[in-house]
Amino acid sequence: MNTLTDWLREKGFEPQNLQLYYEACTHSSYANEHNTGIDNNERLEFIGDAVLQIWSADALYHLQPRLHEGKMTTIRAQTVCEQTLARLNLQLGWYNFLRLGVGEEKSGGRQRPSILADHFEACIGAVYLDMGYGAAKKILDEYMKPLITASKPEDVTDFKTQLQEYVQTDNRQTIQYRLLEETGPSNAPVFRMGVFLDDICMGEGESSTKKKAEQKAAKEALRKLAH
């Protein structure tokens, strides 16, 4: 198999808009180096993220025995996270179809969790736009649903939800996450996020994605509040 559409056809799907799948597999580093007329996959990543959120919410709502809202939120965050999406990308072999710029390829981008997770979301977004929610759901039901009831490693603990639950008893306190700094080249940015409790910075975190940096900031804030 040479393309994502080959993979889909082998699984019994009938993709129509081939350009969507090329776009889903086009990293910004490749788009910047080649004048192909195809955008990078960031817009499709946005769509795919939304599909994953509604799919995971629906799957958790119908899970038996029934879970309370707090537990559902935690499991969803643990399941739809960078590490899990990156592992699924590797499991399905979609990373072989990813088009990277020369520099990104040489620096190990094809194995970088943030890139793999974004690529997975973009591919789901392409499937949804081309063949509808049912096709995307079929893929997620087969490969992602088993992870919902699986034990979760420490590296995907949802510190953001824990922090929210810690402070929710005080209605006067509000939590905000803010971008403090962005450094590094465009194909390998580093984000420093801060978590603010009533405009007081309680924690900071750095990572290659804003989501992961927010988790680190929340972990630091929890550590401070617990002491």
C-alpha atoms as a PDB file:
ATOM      1  CA  MET A   1       0.000   0.000   0.000  1.00  0.00           C
ATOM      2  CA  ASN A   2       1.367   3.368  -1.022  1.00  0.00           C
ATOM      3  CA  THR A   3      -1.410   5.751   0.046  1.00  0.00           C
ATOM      4  CA  LEU A   4      -4.096   6.204   2.661  1.00  0.00           C
ATOM      5  CA  THR A   5      -6.747   5.580   0.004  1.00  0.00           C
ATOM      6  CA  ASP A   6      -5.139   2.175  -0.696  1.00  0.00           C
ATOM      7  CA  TRP A   7      -5.458   1.362   3.009  1.00  0.00           C
ATOM      8  CA  LEU A   8      -9.100   2.426   3.047  1.00  0.00           C
ATOM      9  CA  ARG A   9      -9.984   0.382  -0.042  1.00  0.00           C
ATOM     10  CA  GLU A  10      -8.346  -2.683   1.493  1.00  0.00           C
ATOM     11  CA  LYS A  11     -10.627  -2.219   4.507  1.00  0.00           C
ATOM     12  CA  GLY A  12     -13.716  -2.062   2.310  1.00  0.00           C
ATOM     13  CA  PHE A  13     -14.218   1.700   2.065  1.00  0.00           C
ATOM     14  CA  GLU A  14     -14.752   3.598  -1.166  1.00  0.00           C
ATOM     15  CA  PRO A  15     -12.967   6.979  -0.937  1.00  0.00           C
ATOM     16  CA  GLN A  16     -14.035   9.543  -3.531  1.00  0.00           C
ATOM     17  CA  ASN A  17     -12.245  12.844  -2.948  1.00  0.00           C
ATOM     18  CA  LEU A  18      -8.625  11.759  -3.244  1.00  0.00           C
ATOM     19  CA  GLN A  19      -7.273  15.252  -2.714  1.00  0.00           C
ATOM     20  CA  LEU A  20      -8.644  15.266   0.832  1.00  0.00           C
ATOM     21  CA  TYR A  21      -6.461  12.284   1.725  1.00  0.00           C
ATOM     22  CA  TYR A  22      -3.360  13.806   0.126  1.00  0.00           C
ATOM     23  CA  GLU A  23      -4.026  16.912   2.178  1.00  0.00           C
ATOM     24  CA  ALA A  24      -4.496  14.850   5.343  1.00  0.00           C
ATOM     25  CA  CYS A  25      -1.061  13.315   4.783  1.00  0.00           C
ATOM     26  CA  THR A  26       0.700  16.598   3.980  1.00  0.00           C
ATOM     27  CA  HIS A  27       2.616  18.081   6.893  1.00  0.00           C
ATOM     28  CA  SER A  28       3.259  21.820   6.915  1.00  0.00           C
ATOM     29  CA  SER A  29       6.994  21.201   6.419  1.00  0.00           C
ATOM     30  CA  TYR A  30       6.278  19.422   3.119  1.00  0.00           C
ATOM     31  CA  ALA A  31       3.783  22.032   1.958  1.00  0.00           C
ATOM     32  CA  ASN A  32       6.322  24.772   2.661  1.00  0.00           C
ATOM     33  CA  GLU A  33       8.963  23.027   0.528  1.00  0.00           C
ATOM     34  CA  HIS A  34       6.748  22.052  -2.409  1.00  0.00           C
ATOM     35  CA  ASN A  35       4.366  24.075  -4.519  1.00  0.00           C
ATOM     36  CA  THR A  36       1.830  21.276  -4.986  1.00  0.00           C
ATOM     37  CA  GLY A  37      -1.352  23.309  -4.704  1.00  0.00           C
ATOM     38  CA  ILE A  38      -2.445  21.123  -1.782  1.00  0.00           C
ATOM     39  CA  ASP A  39      -2.755  22.671   1.686  1.00  0.00           C
ATOM     40  CA  ASN A  40      -1.173  21.174   4.780  1.00  0.00           C
ATOM     41  CA  ASN A  41      -3.280  18.998   7.088  1.00  0.00           C
ATOM     42  CA  GLU A  42      -3.959  21.513   9.861  1.00  0.00           C
ATOM     43  CA  ARG A  43      -7.535  22.325   8.783  1.00  0.00           C
ATOM     44  CA  LEU A  44      -8.401  18.642   8.528  1.00  0.00           C
ATOM     45  CA  GLU A  45      -6.802  18.105  11.936  1.00  0.00           C
ATOM     46  CA  PHE A  46      -9.315  20.617  13.323  1.00  0.00           C
ATOM     47  CA  ILE A  47     -12.215  18.649  11.805  1.00  0.00           C
ATOM     48  CA  GLY A  48     -10.810  15.323  12.975  1.00  0.00           C
ATOM     49  CA  ASP A  49     -10.457  16.560  16.530  1.00  0.00           C
ATOM     50  CA  ALA A  50     -14.152  17.476  16.580  1.00  0.00           C
ATOM     51  CA  VAL A  51     -15.119  14.056  15.207  1.00  0.00           C
ATOM     52  CA  LEU A  52     -13.045  12.346  17.891  1.00  0.00           C
ATOM     53  CA  GLN A  53     -14.670  14.410  20.617  1.00  0.00           C
ATOM     54  CA  ILE A  54     -18.249  13.547  19.583  1.00  0.00           C
ATOM     55  CA  TRP A  55     -17.373   9.898  18.919  1.00  0.00           C
ATOM     56  CA  SER A  56     -15.681   9.439  22.302  1.00  0.00           C
ATOM     57  CA  ALA A  57     -18.498  11.239  24.136  1.00  0.00           C
ATOM     58  CA  ASP A  58     -21.081   8.993  22.475  1.00  0.00           C
ATOM     59  CA  ALA A  59     -19.074   5.824  23.191  1.00  0.00           C
ATOM     60  CA  LEU A  60     -18.624   6.763  26.850  1.00  0.00           C
ATOM     61  CA  TYR A  61     -22.278   7.743  27.288  1.00  0.00           C
ATOM     62  CA  HIS A  62     -23.405   4.281  26.178  1.00  0.00           C
ATOM     63  CA  LEU A  63     -20.747   2.406  28.163  1.00  0.00           C
ATOM     64  CA  GLN A  64     -22.015  -0.078  30.757  1.00  0.00           C
ATOM     65  CA  PRO A  65     -21.995   0.170  33.687  1.00  0.00           C
ATOM     66  CA  ARG A  66     -22.903   3.836  33.415  1.00  0.00           C
ATOM     67  CA  LEU A  67     -20.230   6.361  34.361  1.00  0.00           C
ATOM     68  CA  HIS A  68     -20.704   9.715  36.064  1.00  0.00           C
ATOM     69  CA  GLU A  69     -19.799  12.867  34.142  1.00  0.00           C
ATOM     70  CA  GLY A  70     -16.460  13.446  35.867  1.00  0.00           C
ATOM     71  CA  LYS A  71     -15.227   9.938  35.068  1.00  0.00           C
ATOM     72  CA  MET A  72     -16.431  10.243  31.466  1.00  0.00           C
ATOM     73  CA  THR A  73     -14.489  13.498  31.081  1.00  0.00           C
ATOM     74  CA  THR A  74     -11.326  11.957  32.493  1.00  0.00           C
ATOM     75  CA  ILE A  75     -11.474   8.822  30.335  1.00  0.00           C
ATOM     76  CA  ARG A  76     -12.181  10.856  27.208  1.00  0.00           C
ATOM     77  CA  ALA A  77      -9.154  13.054  27.877  1.00  0.00           C
ATOM     78  CA  GLN A  78      -7.024   9.976  28.504  1.00  0.00           C
ATOM     79  CA  THR A  79      -8.221   8.238  25.350  1.00  0.00           C
ATOM     80  CA  VAL A  80      -8.196  11.161  22.928  1.00  0.00           C
ATOM     81  CA  CYS A  81      -4.688  12.292  23.804  1.00  0.00           C
ATOM     82  CA  GLU A  82      -1.452  12.746  21.903  1.00  0.00           C
ATOM     83  CA  GLN A  83       0.166   9.512  23.072  1.00  0.00           C
ATOM     84  CA  THR A  84      -2.850   7.343  22.237  1.00  0.00           C
ATOM     85  CA  LEU A  85      -3.421   8.887  18.816  1.00  0.00           C
ATOM     86  CA  ALA A  86       0.267   8.551  17.965  1.00  0.00           C
ATOM     87  CA  ARG A  87       0.252   4.865  18.960  1.00  0.00           C
ATOM     88  CA  LEU A  88      -2.842   4.234  16.852  1.00  0.00           C
ATOM     89  CA  ASN A  89      -1.188   5.931  13.880  1.00  0.00           C
ATOM     90  CA  LEU A  90       1.785   3.590  14.210  1.00  0.00           C
ATOM     91  CA  GLN A  91      -0.491   0.565  14.708  1.00  0.00           C
ATOM     92  CA  LEU A  92      -2.495   1.308  11.563  1.00  0.00           C
ATOM     93  CA  GLY A  93       0.593   2.157   9.537  1.00  0.00           C
ATOM     94  CA  TRP A  94      -0.749   5.540   8.470  1.00  0.00           C
ATOM     95  CA  TYR A  95       2.582   7.184   9.300  1.00  0.00           C
ATOM     96  CA  ASN A  96       3.993   5.532   6.159  1.00  0.00           C
ATOM     97  CA  PHE A  97       1.730   7.769   4.064  1.00  0.00           C
ATOM     98  CA  LEU A  98       2.789  11.016   5.776  1.00  0.00           C
ATOM     99  CA  ARG A  99       4.590  13.522   3.565  1.00  0.00           C
ATOM    100  CA  LEU A 100       7.251  15.455   5.467  1.00  0.00           C
ATOM    101  CA  GLY A 101       9.766  18.103   4.506  1.00  0.00           C
ATOM    102  CA  VAL A 102      13.376  17.017   4.166  1.00  0.00           C
ATOM    103  CA  GLY A 103      14.473  18.596   7.425  1.00  0.00           C
ATOM    104  CA  GLU A 104      11.533  17.218   9.387  1.00  0.00           C
ATOM    105  CA  GLU A 105      12.151  13.746   7.979  1.00  0.00           C
ATOM    106  CA  LYS A 106      15.823  13.830   8.913  1.00  0.00           C
ATOM    107  CA  SER A 107      15.075  15.031  12.433  1.00  0.00           C
ATOM    108  CA  GLY A 108      12.790  12.060  13.137  1.00  0.00           C
ATOM    109  CA  GLY A 109       9.447  13.714  12.495  1.00  0.00           C
ATOM    110  CA  ARG A 110       7.889  10.484  11.232  1.00  0.00           C
ATOM    111  CA  GLN A 111       8.157   9.080  14.748  1.00  0.00           C
ATOM    112  CA  ARG A 112       7.345  12.302  16.668  1.00  0.00           C
ATOM    113  CA  PRO A 113       4.159  11.793  18.756  1.00  0.00           C
ATOM    114  CA  SER A 114       2.796  15.306  18.171  1.00  0.00           C
ATOM    115  CA  ILE A 115       3.072  14.957  14.383  1.00  0.00           C
ATOM    116  CA  LEU A 116       1.620  11.437  14.409  1.00  0.00           C
ATOM    117  CA  ALA A 117      -1.314  12.493  16.585  1.00  0.00           C
ATOM    118  CA  ASP A 118      -2.096  15.482  14.372  1.00  0.00           C
ATOM    119  CA  HIS A 119      -1.833  13.274  11.282  1.00  0.00           C
ATOM    120  CA  PHE A 120      -4.251  10.745  12.772  1.00  0.00           C
ATOM    121  CA  GLU A 121      -6.790  13.492  13.469  1.00  0.00           C
ATOM    122  CA  ALA A 122      -6.385  14.853   9.934  1.00  0.00           C
ATOM    123  CA  CYS A 123      -6.991  11.414   8.423  1.00  0.00           C
ATOM    124  CA  ILE A 124     -10.169  10.978  10.481  1.00  0.00           C
ATOM    125  CA  GLY A 125     -11.234  14.439   9.354  1.00  0.00           C
ATOM    126  CA  ALA A 126     -10.701  13.489   5.707  1.00  0.00           C
ATOM    127  CA  VAL A 127     -12.703  10.268   6.104  1.00  0.00           C
ATOM    128  CA  TYR A 128     -15.540  12.208   7.732  1.00  0.00           C
ATOM    129  CA  LEU A 129     -15.690  14.891   5.030  1.00  0.00           C
ATOM    130  CA  ASP A 130     -15.438  12.383   2.183  1.00  0.00           C
ATOM    131  CA  MET A 131     -17.543   9.439   3.365  1.00  0.00           C
ATOM    132  CA  GLY A 132     -19.474  10.752   6.345  1.00  0.00           C
ATOM    133  CA  TYR A 133     -19.532  10.165  10.075  1.00  0.00           C
ATOM    134  CA  GLY A 134     -20.495   6.511   9.684  1.00  0.00           C
ATOM    135  CA  ALA A 135     -17.212   5.670   7.960  1.00  0.00           C
ATOM    136  CA  ALA A 136     -15.157   7.519  10.565  1.00  0.00           C
ATOM    137  CA  LYS A 137     -17.135   5.821  13.345  1.00  0.00           C
ATOM    138  CA  LYS A 138     -16.498   2.388  11.847  1.00  0.00           C
ATOM    139  CA  ILE A 139     -12.723   2.954  11.981  1.00  0.00           C
ATOM    140  CA  LEU A 140     -12.819   4.383  15.501  1.00  0.00           C
ATOM    141  CA  ASP A 141     -15.128   1.628  16.789  1.00  0.00           C
ATOM    142  CA  GLU A 142     -12.747  -1.050  15.547  1.00  0.00           C
ATOM    143  CA  TYR A 143      -9.421   0.418  16.576  1.00  0.00           C
ATOM    144  CA  MET A 144     -10.071   2.991  19.291  1.00  0.00           C
ATOM    145  CA  LYS A 145     -13.056   1.734  21.254  1.00  0.00           C
ATOM    146  CA  PRO A 146     -11.087  -1.100  22.921  1.00  0.00           C
ATOM    147  CA  LEU A 147      -8.817   1.550  24.449  1.00  0.00           C
ATOM    148  CA  ILE A 148     -11.673   3.155  26.373  1.00  0.00           C
ATOM    149  CA  THR A 149     -11.828   0.336  28.923  1.00  0.00           C
ATOM    150  CA  ALA A 150      -8.091  -0.377  28.895  1.00  0.00           C
ATOM    151  CA  SER A 151      -5.878   0.701  31.783  1.00  0.00           C
ATOM    152  CA  LYS A 152      -4.196   4.036  31.221  1.00  0.00           C
ATOM    153  CA  PRO A 153      -0.462   4.682  31.684  1.00  0.00           C
ATOM    154  CA  GLU A 154       0.694   7.497  33.955  1.00  0.00           C
ATOM    155  CA  ASP A 155       1.809   9.652  31.026  1.00  0.00           C
ATOM    156  CA  VAL A 156      -1.784  10.306  29.965  1.00  0.00           C
ATOM    157  CA  THR A 157      -3.176  11.294  33.373  1.00  0.00           C
ATOM    158  CA  ASP A 158      -5.635  14.137  32.866  1.00  0.00           C
ATOM    159  CA  PHE A 159      -4.212  16.764  35.205  1.00  0.00           C
ATOM    160  CA  LYS A 160      -6.416  19.481  33.697  1.00  0.00           C
ATOM    161  CA  THR A 161      -9.582  17.691  34.796  1.00  0.00           C
ATOM    162  CA  GLN A 162      -8.097  16.970  38.216  1.00  0.00           C
ATOM    163  CA  LEU A 163      -7.279  20.650  38.648  1.00  0.00           C
ATOM    164  CA  GLN A 164     -10.783  21.669  37.559  1.00  0.00           C
ATOM    165  CA  GLU A 165     -12.333  19.258  40.058  1.00  0.00           C
ATOM    166  CA  TYR A 166      -9.982  20.518  42.787  1.00  0.00           C
ATOM    167  CA  VAL A 167     -11.155  24.120  42.506  1.00  0.00           C
ATOM    168  CA  GLN A 168     -14.767  23.669  41.366  1.00  0.00           C
ATOM    169  CA  THR A 169     -16.123  23.843  44.921  1.00  0.00           C
ATOM    170  CA  ASP A 170     -15.197  27.529  45.009  1.00  0.00           C
ATOM    171  CA  ASN A 171     -17.364  29.363  42.489  1.00  0.00           C
ATOM    172  CA  ARG A 172     -15.225  32.463  42.798  1.00  0.00           C
ATOM    173  CA  GLN A 173     -12.202  30.751  41.265  1.00  0.00           C
ATOM    174  CA  THR A 174     -11.769  30.475  37.503  1.00  0.00           C
ATOM    175  CA  ILE A 175      -9.092  28.621  35.534  1.00  0.00           C
ATOM    176  CA  GLN A 176      -7.555  29.933  32.339  1.00  0.00           C
ATOM    177  CA  TYR A 177      -4.751  28.586  30.146  1.00  0.00           C
ATOM    178  CA  ARG A 178      -2.642  31.156  28.328  1.00  0.00           C
ATOM    179  CA  LEU A 179       0.199  30.941  25.849  1.00  0.00           C
ATOM    180  CA  LEU A 180       3.245  32.500  27.519  1.00  0.00           C
ATOM    181  CA  GLU A 181       5.838  31.908  24.820  1.00  0.00           C
ATOM    182  CA  GLU A 182       6.362  30.117  21.521  1.00  0.00           C
ATOM    183  CA  THR A 183       9.910  29.295  20.452  1.00  0.00           C
ATOM    184  CA  GLY A 184      11.685  27.129  17.898  1.00  0.00           C
ATOM    185  CA  PRO A 185      11.256  26.783  14.133  1.00  0.00           C
ATOM    186  CA  SER A 186       7.804  26.581  12.538  1.00  0.00           C
ATOM    187  CA  ASN A 187       8.167  22.846  11.872  1.00  0.00           C
ATOM    188  CA  ALA A 188       9.161  22.075  15.479  1.00  0.00           C
ATOM    189  CA  PRO A 189       7.667  24.717  17.791  1.00  0.00           C
ATOM    190  CA  VAL A 190       7.872  24.657  21.576  1.00  0.00           C
ATOM    191  CA  PHE A 191       4.939  26.119  23.492  1.00  0.00           C
ATOM    192  CA  ARG A 192       5.120  27.406  27.077  1.00  0.00           C
ATOM    193  CA  MET A 193       1.652  27.520  28.595  1.00  0.00           C
ATOM    194  CA  GLY A 194       0.572  28.949  31.921  1.00  0.00           C
ATOM    195  CA  VAL A 195      -2.455  28.047  34.014  1.00  0.00           C
ATOM    196  CA  PHE A 196      -3.980  30.983  35.852  1.00  0.00           C
ATOM    197  CA  LEU A 197      -6.239  30.797  38.874  1.00  0.00           C
ATOM    198  CA  ASP A 198      -8.038  34.126  39.191  1.00  0.00           C
ATOM    199  CA  ASP A 199      -5.248  35.787  37.149  1.00  0.00           C
ATOM    200  CA  ILE A 200      -2.508  34.279  39.338  1.00  0.00           C
ATOM    201  CA  CYS A 201      -0.140  31.978  37.448  1.00  0.00           C
ATOM    202  CA  MET A 202      -0.115  28.706  39.372  1.00  0.00           C
ATOM    203  CA  GLY A 203       1.874  26.568  36.953  1.00  0.00           C
ATOM    204  CA  GLU A 204       3.789  26.514  33.695  1.00  0.00           C
ATOM    205  CA  GLY A 205       4.579  23.766  31.208  1.00  0.00           C
ATOM    206  CA  GLU A 206       6.492  23.369  27.957  1.00  0.00           C
ATOM    207  CA  SER A 207       5.911  20.894  25.126  1.00  0.00           C
ATOM    208  CA  SER A 208       5.698  20.516  21.371  1.00  0.00           C
ATOM    209  CA  THR A 209       1.895  20.924  21.567  1.00  0.00           C
ATOM    210  CA  LYS A 210      -0.253  23.353  23.512  1.00  0.00           C
ATOM    211  CA  LYS A 211      -2.424  20.541  24.879  1.00  0.00           C
ATOM    212  CA  LYS A 212       0.511  18.707  26.420  1.00  0.00           C
ATOM    213  CA  ALA A 213       2.003  21.932  27.764  1.00  0.00           C
ATOM    214  CA  GLU A 214      -1.329  22.692  29.440  1.00  0.00           C
ATOM    215  CA  GLN A 215      -1.286  19.264  31.105  1.00  0.00           C
ATOM    216  CA  LYS A 216       2.182  19.941  32.495  1.00  0.00           C
ATOM    217  CA  ALA A 217       1.100  23.353  33.752  1.00  0.00           C
ATOM    218  CA  ALA A 218      -1.943  21.811  35.452  1.00  0.00           C
ATOM    219  CA  LYS A 219       0.254  19.155  37.079  1.00  0.00           C
ATOM    220  CA  GLU A 220       2.494  21.843  38.557  1.00  0.00           C
ATOM    221  CA  ALA A 221      -0.522  23.809  39.790  1.00  0.00           C
ATOM    222  CA  LEU A 222      -1.951  20.722  41.497  1.00  0.00           C
ATOM    223  CA  ARG A 223       1.374  20.082  43.194  1.00  0.00           C
ATOM    224  CA  LYS A 224       1.388  23.636  44.589  1.00  0.00           C
ATOM    225  CA  LEU A 225      -2.240  23.570  45.701  1.00  0.00           C
ATOM    226  CA  ALA A 226      -1.840  20.213  47.456  1.00  0.00           C
ATOM    227  CA  HIS A 227       0.938  21.549  49.688  1.00  0.00           C
END
